[in-house]
Amino acid sequence: VATRESTLTADVTEVGEPGRSEGYGVVVAAAAVTTAAAVTTAAAVTTWVSWVALTVNC
């Protein structure tokens, strides 16, 4: 039974189970959103630091 289940799992993984694909898509979407948020935050911080540096220097 264990061998049959593992084989079935392997086959499903290769073909791409809808549930698995959807889950993967959600993970990718979450990663994209997180990355976008991180990039936006980094850009905002960089801009703020630059502005502060210019203000202090001037």
PDB file of N, CA and C in Angstrom:
ATOM      1  N   VAL A   1       0.849  -1.205   0.000  1.00  0.00           N
ATOM      2  CA  VAL A   1       0.000   0.000   0.000  1.00  0.00           C
ATOM      3  C   VAL A   1       0.880   1.250   0.000  1.00  0.00           C
ATOM      4  N   ALA A   2       1.924   1.223   0.810  1.00  0.00           N
ATOM      5  CA  ALA A   2       2.820   2.381   0.912  1.00  0.00           C
ATOM      6  C   ALA A   2       3.471   2.654  -0.444  1.00  0.00           C
ATOM      7  N   THR A   3       3.913   1.579  -1.108  1.00  0.00           N
ATOM      8  CA  THR A   3       4.573   1.730  -2.410  1.00  0.00           C
ATOM      9  C   THR A   3       3.593   2.314  -3.422  1.00  0.00           C
ATOM     10  N   ARG A   4       2.372   1.814  -3.388  1.00  0.00           N
ATOM     11  CA  ARG A   4       1.371   2.290  -4.340  1.00  0.00           C
ATOM     12  C   ARG A   4       1.075   3.775  -4.092  1.00  0.00           C
ATOM     13  N   GLU A   5       0.988   4.168  -2.837  1.00  0.00           N
ATOM     14  CA  GLU A   5       0.706   5.567  -2.510  1.00  0.00           C
ATOM     15  C   GLU A   5       1.852   6.463  -2.967  1.00  0.00           C
ATOM     16  N   SER A   6       3.074   6.033  -2.705  1.00  0.00           N
ATOM     17  CA  SER A   6       4.217   6.848  -3.092  1.00  0.00           C
ATOM     18  C   SER A   6       4.288   6.977  -4.610  1.00  0.00           C
ATOM     19  N   THR A   7       3.996   5.887  -5.316  1.00  0.00           N
ATOM     20  CA  THR A   7       4.000   5.922  -6.776  1.00  0.00           C
ATOM     21  C   THR A   7       2.915   6.860  -7.284  1.00  0.00           C
ATOM     22  N   LEU A   8       1.740   6.760  -6.674  1.00  0.00           N
ATOM     23  CA  LEU A   8       0.619   7.613  -7.068  1.00  0.00           C
ATOM     24  C   LEU A   8       0.979   9.070  -6.826  1.00  0.00           C
ATOM     25  N   THR A   9       1.596   9.333  -5.687  1.00  0.00           N
ATOM     26  CA  THR A   9       1.999  10.701  -5.350  1.00  0.00           C
ATOM     27  C   THR A   9       3.006  11.206  -6.371  1.00  0.00           C
ATOM     28  N   ALA A  10       3.952  10.346  -6.746  1.00  0.00           N
ATOM     29  CA  ALA A  10       4.977  10.731  -7.715  1.00  0.00           C
ATOM     30  C   ALA A  10       4.325  11.068  -9.052  1.00  0.00           C
ATOM     31  N   ASP A  11       3.377  10.214  -9.479  1.00  0.00           N
ATOM     32  CA  ASP A  11       2.692  10.447 -10.748  1.00  0.00           C
ATOM     33  C   ASP A  11       1.912  11.764 -10.702  1.00  0.00           C
ATOM     34  N   VAL A  12       1.192  11.979  -9.608  1.00  0.00           N
ATOM     35  CA  VAL A  12       0.380  13.190  -9.480  1.00  0.00           C
ATOM     36  C   VAL A  12       1.273  14.415  -9.479  1.00  0.00           C
ATOM     37  N   THR A  13       2.408  14.316  -8.797  1.00  0.00           N
ATOM     38  CA  THR A  13       3.334  15.455  -8.725  1.00  0.00           C
ATOM     39  C   THR A  13       3.873  15.776 -10.109  1.00  0.00           C
ATOM     40  N   GLU A  14       4.207  14.740 -10.875  1.00  0.00           N
ATOM     41  CA  GLU A  14       4.749  14.964 -12.215  1.00  0.00           C
ATOM     42  C   GLU A  14       3.710  15.613 -13.126  1.00  0.00           C
ATOM     43  N   VAL A  15       2.500  15.069 -13.094  1.00  0.00           N
ATOM     44  CA  VAL A  15       1.439  15.588 -13.956  1.00  0.00           C
ATOM     45  C   VAL A  15       1.008  16.969 -13.475  1.00  0.00           C
ATOM     46  N   GLY A  16       0.916  17.139 -12.162  1.00  0.00           N
ATOM     47  CA  GLY A  16       0.505  18.427 -11.605  1.00  0.00           C
ATOM     48  C   GLY A  16      -0.933  18.394 -11.151  1.00  0.00           C
ATOM     49  N   GLU A  17      -1.127  18.105  -9.894  1.00  0.00           N
ATOM     50  CA  GLU A  17      -2.471  18.039  -9.325  1.00  0.00           C
ATOM     51  C   GLU A  17      -3.027  19.464  -9.228  1.00  0.00           C
ATOM     52  N   PRO A  18      -4.295  19.666  -9.608  1.00  0.00           N
ATOM     53  CA  PRO A  18      -4.899  21.004  -9.561  1.00  0.00           C
ATOM     54  C   PRO A  18      -4.739  21.662  -8.189  1.00  0.00           C
ATOM     55  N   GLY A  19      -5.043  20.902  -7.137  1.00  0.00           N
ATOM     56  CA  GLY A  19      -4.924  21.439  -5.781  1.00  0.00           C
ATOM     57  C   GLY A  19      -3.509  21.893  -5.497  1.00  0.00           C
ATOM     58  N   ARG A  20      -2.560  21.077  -5.916  1.00  0.00           N
ATOM     59  CA  ARG A  20      -1.159  21.397  -5.686  1.00  0.00           C
ATOM     60  C   ARG A  20      -0.778  22.656  -6.494  1.00  0.00           C
ATOM     61  N   SER A  21      -1.244  22.736  -7.721  1.00  0.00           N
ATOM     62  CA  SER A  21      -0.933  23.883  -8.572  1.00  0.00           C
ATOM     63  C   SER A  21      -1.518  25.159  -7.977  1.00  0.00           C
ATOM     64  N   GLU A  22      -2.746  25.069  -7.490  1.00  0.00           N
ATOM     65  CA  GLU A  22      -3.398  26.237  -6.896  1.00  0.00           C
ATOM     66  C   GLU A  22      -2.627  26.677  -5.663  1.00  0.00           C
ATOM     67  N   GLY A  23      -2.231  25.699  -4.852  1.00  0.00           N
ATOM     68  CA  GLY A  23      -1.466  26.009  -3.651  1.00  0.00           C
ATOM     69  C   GLY A  23      -0.160  26.678  -4.019  1.00  0.00           C
ATOM     70  N   TYR A  24       0.477  26.157  -5.064  1.00  0.00           N
ATOM     71  CA  TYR A  24       1.746  26.724  -5.533  1.00  0.00           C
ATOM     72  C   TYR A  24       1.520  28.151  -6.017  1.00  0.00           C
ATOM     73  N   GLY A  25       0.423  28.359  -6.726  1.00  0.00           N
ATOM     74  CA  GLY A  25       0.089  29.686  -7.227  1.00  0.00           C
ATOM     75  C   GLY A  25      -0.101  30.669  -6.083  1.00  0.00           C
ATOM     76  N   VAL A  26      -0.762  30.216  -5.022  1.00  0.00           N
ATOM     77  CA  VAL A  26      -0.990  31.068  -3.851  1.00  0.00           C
ATOM     78  C   VAL A  26       0.338  31.427  -3.217  1.00  0.00           C
ATOM     79  N   VAL A  27       1.233  30.433  -3.126  1.00  0.00           N
ATOM     80  CA  VAL A  27       2.550  30.676  -2.541  1.00  0.00           C
ATOM     81  C   VAL A  27       3.322  31.688  -3.384  1.00  0.00           C
ATOM     82  N   VAL A  28       3.269  31.520  -4.711  1.00  0.00           N
ATOM     83  CA  VAL A  28       3.957  32.439  -5.615  1.00  0.00           C
ATOM     84  C   VAL A  28       3.371  33.843  -5.490  1.00  0.00           C
ATOM     85  N   ALA A  29       2.041  33.919  -5.422  1.00  0.00           N
ATOM     86  CA  ALA A  29       1.377  35.219  -5.290  1.00  0.00           C
ATOM     87  C   ALA A  29       1.782  35.881  -3.979  1.00  0.00           C
ATOM     88  N   ALA A  30       1.800  35.095  -2.912  1.00  0.00           N
ATOM     89  CA  ALA A  30       2.185  35.628  -1.603  1.00  0.00           C
ATOM     90  C   ALA A  30       3.632  36.117  -1.640  1.00  0.00           C
ATOM     91  N   ALA A  31       4.489  35.340  -2.285  1.00  0.00           N
ATOM     92  CA  ALA A  31       5.899  35.722  -2.399  1.00  0.00           C
ATOM     93  C   ALA A  31       6.036  37.004  -3.216  1.00  0.00           C
ATOM     94  N   ALA A  32       5.252  37.110  -4.283  1.00  0.00           N
ATOM     95  CA  ALA A  32       5.302  38.299  -5.130  1.00  0.00           C
ATOM     96  C   ALA A  32       4.851  39.535  -4.352  1.00  0.00           C
ATOM     97  N   VAL A  33       3.767  39.375  -3.593  1.00  0.00           N
ATOM     98  CA  VAL A  33       3.251  40.490  -2.789  1.00  0.00           C
ATOM     99  C   VAL A  33       4.271  40.888  -1.731  1.00  0.00           C
ATOM    100  N   THR A  34       4.856  39.881  -1.074  1.00  0.00           N
ATOM    101  CA  THR A  34       5.859  40.148  -0.044  1.00  0.00           C
ATOM    102  C   THR A  34       7.066  40.851  -0.642  1.00  0.00           C
ATOM    103  N   THR A  35       7.502  40.371  -1.804  1.00  0.00           N
ATOM    104  CA  THR A  35       8.649  40.972  -2.479  1.00  0.00           C
ATOM    105  C   THR A  35       8.336  42.414  -2.884  1.00  0.00           C
ATOM    106  N   ALA A  36       7.146  42.615  -3.431  1.00  0.00           N
ATOM    107  CA  ALA A  36       6.740  43.961  -3.845  1.00  0.00           C
ATOM    108  C   ALA A  36       6.709  44.893  -2.639  1.00  0.00           C
ATOM    109  N   ALA A  37       6.176  44.395  -1.531  1.00  0.00           N
ATOM    110  CA  ALA A  37       6.108  45.202  -0.306  1.00  0.00           C
ATOM    111  C   ALA A  37       7.514  45.535   0.182  1.00  0.00           C
ATOM    112  N   ALA A  38       8.393  44.538   0.135  1.00  0.00           N
ATOM    113  CA  ALA A  38       9.773  44.748   0.584  1.00  0.00           C
ATOM    114  C   ALA A  38      10.484  45.767  -0.297  1.00  0.00           C
ATOM    115  N   VAL A  39      10.292  45.647  -1.610  1.00  0.00           N
ATOM    116  CA  VAL A  39      10.923  46.575  -2.552  1.00  0.00           C
ATOM    117  C   VAL A  39      10.382  47.991  -2.341  1.00  0.00           C
ATOM    118  N   THR A  40       9.072  48.085  -2.176  1.00  0.00           N
ATOM    119  CA  THR A  40       8.440  49.390  -1.962  1.00  0.00           C
ATOM    120  C   THR A  40       8.954  50.023  -0.675  1.00  0.00           C
ATOM    121  N   THR A  41       9.018  49.217   0.377  1.00  0.00           N
ATOM    122  CA  THR A  41       9.511  49.703   1.666  1.00  0.00           C
ATOM    123  C   THR A  41      10.962  50.140   1.545  1.00  0.00           C
ATOM    124  N   ALA A  42      11.765  49.320   0.880  1.00  0.00           N
ATOM    125  CA  ALA A  42      13.182  49.652   0.703  1.00  0.00           C
ATOM    126  C   ALA A  42      13.327  50.955  -0.067  1.00  0.00           C
ATOM    127  N   ALA A  43      12.514  51.115  -1.119  1.00  0.00           N
ATOM    128  CA  ALA A  43      12.572  52.337  -1.914  1.00  0.00           C
ATOM    129  C   ALA A  43      12.159  53.541  -1.076  1.00  0.00           C
ATOM    130  N   ALA A  44      11.110  53.373  -0.281  1.00  0.00           N
ATOM    131  CA  ALA A  44      10.635  54.464   0.573  1.00  0.00           C
ATOM    132  C   ALA A  44      11.700  54.839   1.598  1.00  0.00           C
ATOM    133  N   VAL A  45      12.298  53.830   2.210  1.00  0.00           N
ATOM    134  CA  VAL A  45      13.344  54.080   3.208  1.00  0.00           C
ATOM    135  C   VAL A  45      14.540  54.764   2.558  1.00  0.00           C
ATOM    136  N   THR A  46      14.925  54.266   1.394  1.00  0.00           N
ATOM    137  CA  THR A  46      16.066  54.859   0.682  1.00  0.00           C
ATOM    138  C   THR A  46      15.786  56.321   0.348  1.00  0.00           C
ATOM    139  N   THR A  47      14.575  56.579  -0.150  1.00  0.00           N
ATOM    140  CA  THR A  47      14.186  57.944  -0.493  1.00  0.00           C
ATOM    141  C   THR A  47      14.207  58.827   0.751  1.00  0.00           C
ATOM    142  N   TRP A  48      13.659  58.307   1.851  1.00  0.00           N
ATOM    143  CA  TRP A  48      13.604  59.065   3.101  1.00  0.00           C
ATOM    144  C   TRP A  48      15.005  59.356   3.622  1.00  0.00           C
ATOM    145  N   VAL A  49      15.863  58.344   3.584  1.00  0.00           N
ATOM    146  CA  VAL A  49      17.243  58.515   4.053  1.00  0.00           C
ATOM    147  C   VAL A  49      17.960  59.545   3.188  1.00  0.00           C
ATOM    148  N   SER A  50      17.750  59.466   1.887  1.00  0.00           N
ATOM    149  CA  SER A  50      18.377  60.418   0.969  1.00  0.00           C
ATOM    150  C   SER A  50      17.889  61.835   1.268  1.00  0.00           C
ATOM    151  N   TRP A  51      16.585  61.962   1.486  1.00  0.00           N
ATOM    152  CA  TRP A  51      15.988  63.263   1.773  1.00  0.00           C
ATOM    153  C   TRP A  51      16.561  63.825   3.075  1.00  0.00           C
ATOM    154  N   VAL A  52      16.643  62.982   4.104  1.00  0.00           N
ATOM    155  CA  VAL A  52      17.191  63.395   5.394  1.00  0.00           C
ATOM    156  C   VAL A  52      18.649  63.802   5.234  1.00  0.00           C
ATOM    157  N   ALA A  53      19.406  63.003   4.476  1.00  0.00           N
ATOM    158  CA  ALA A  53      20.824  63.309   4.261  1.00  0.00           C
ATOM    159  C   ALA A  53      20.980  64.659   3.567  1.00  0.00           C
ATOM    160  N   LEU A  54      20.157  64.919   2.544  1.00  0.00           N
ATOM    161  CA  LEU A  54      20.220  66.191   1.829  1.00  0.00           C
ATOM    162  C   LEU A  54      19.833  67.336   2.759  1.00  0.00           C
ATOM    163  N   THR A  55      18.783  67.109   3.536  1.00  0.00           N
ATOM    164  CA  THR A  55      18.306  68.147   4.458  1.00  0.00           C
ATOM    165  C   THR A  55      19.379  68.472   5.486  1.00  0.00           C
ATOM    166  N   VAL A  56      20.000  67.454   6.038  1.00  0.00           N
ATOM    167  CA  VAL A  56      21.039  67.648   7.051  1.00  0.00           C
ATOM    168  C   VAL A  56      22.256  68.333   6.437  1.00  0.00           C
ATOM    169  N   ASN A  57      22.643  67.907   5.239  1.00  0.00           N
ATOM    170  CA  ASN A  57      23.808  68.488   4.580  1.00  0.00           C
ATOM    171  C   ASN A  57      23.564  69.944   4.210  1.00  0.00           C
ATOM    172  N   CYS A  58      22.347  70.244   3.765  1.00  0.00           N
ATOM    173  CA  CYS A  58      22.033  71.607   3.379  1.00  0.00           C
ATOM    174  C   CYS A  58      21.738  72.424   4.623  1.00  0.00           C
TER     175      CYS A  58
END
